[in-house]
């Protein structure tokens, strides 16, 4: 479904095209000296608007697909980490290794080492003059999760006793999975960058203060008003075409 913004751009393009049709119907009576509002320039600008509108929608679709693929790829990570942790516990690794693993796993799964105190408890402590600062420990952003997952794999690599028989829990498989997640994350970054670059171009075409569609349409209306008068049917037809 198109967003309000996308619908607005589509409507502006349709209105701009309607305006050009009305302008061309004026024939030789429409003869401005300003290059940017001549019929040929208007048609060129309309085509630019159509091209960038299509390009943005395509880029946005690609970005959305990348985001969906990223979310799908990361979805099994938390449960996989739990399985790896259990495999580590079932090995002959030391209690120190288990503690270190828990620290990384908490970051990967967005959990706290100590439960966050409730608002009532915080207020009670503050009433006693005690300062309570609870910094968020959540590191569930994709970049953070990739970094922590990489750290976890590196840590597991140092434990000689971690050697599960299950293929998907082996370090080589985890490393391959990490590479796949990084690729999905990169796809989102690249497609998002491309979409934003096209958005900038689209805004230039529609909103530039000197050569954008909105400004050009305003100039066209001013010219028609000067030629035919504010009360003329020609101007009234064109004046009611809105570009927002």
Foldseek 3Di string as FASTA:
>chain_A
DDDPVLVQLVLLLVLLVVLLVLLVVVPPLPDDPDPCQPSVNSVVLSVLLVVLSVVLVVLVVLLVVLVVVLCVLCVCVLVLLVVLLVLVVVWPDDPVLNVVSVVLSCQLVQHDPDDDDDPVVQVVCVVVVHDDDDDRSHQPDLVSNLVSLVVNLVSLVVTPRRDDPDPCSGSVNSVVSSVVSVVSVVSNVVSVVSSVVSVVVSCCQAPPCPNHPQNSLVVSLVSCCVSQNPPDPSSVVSVPRDRD
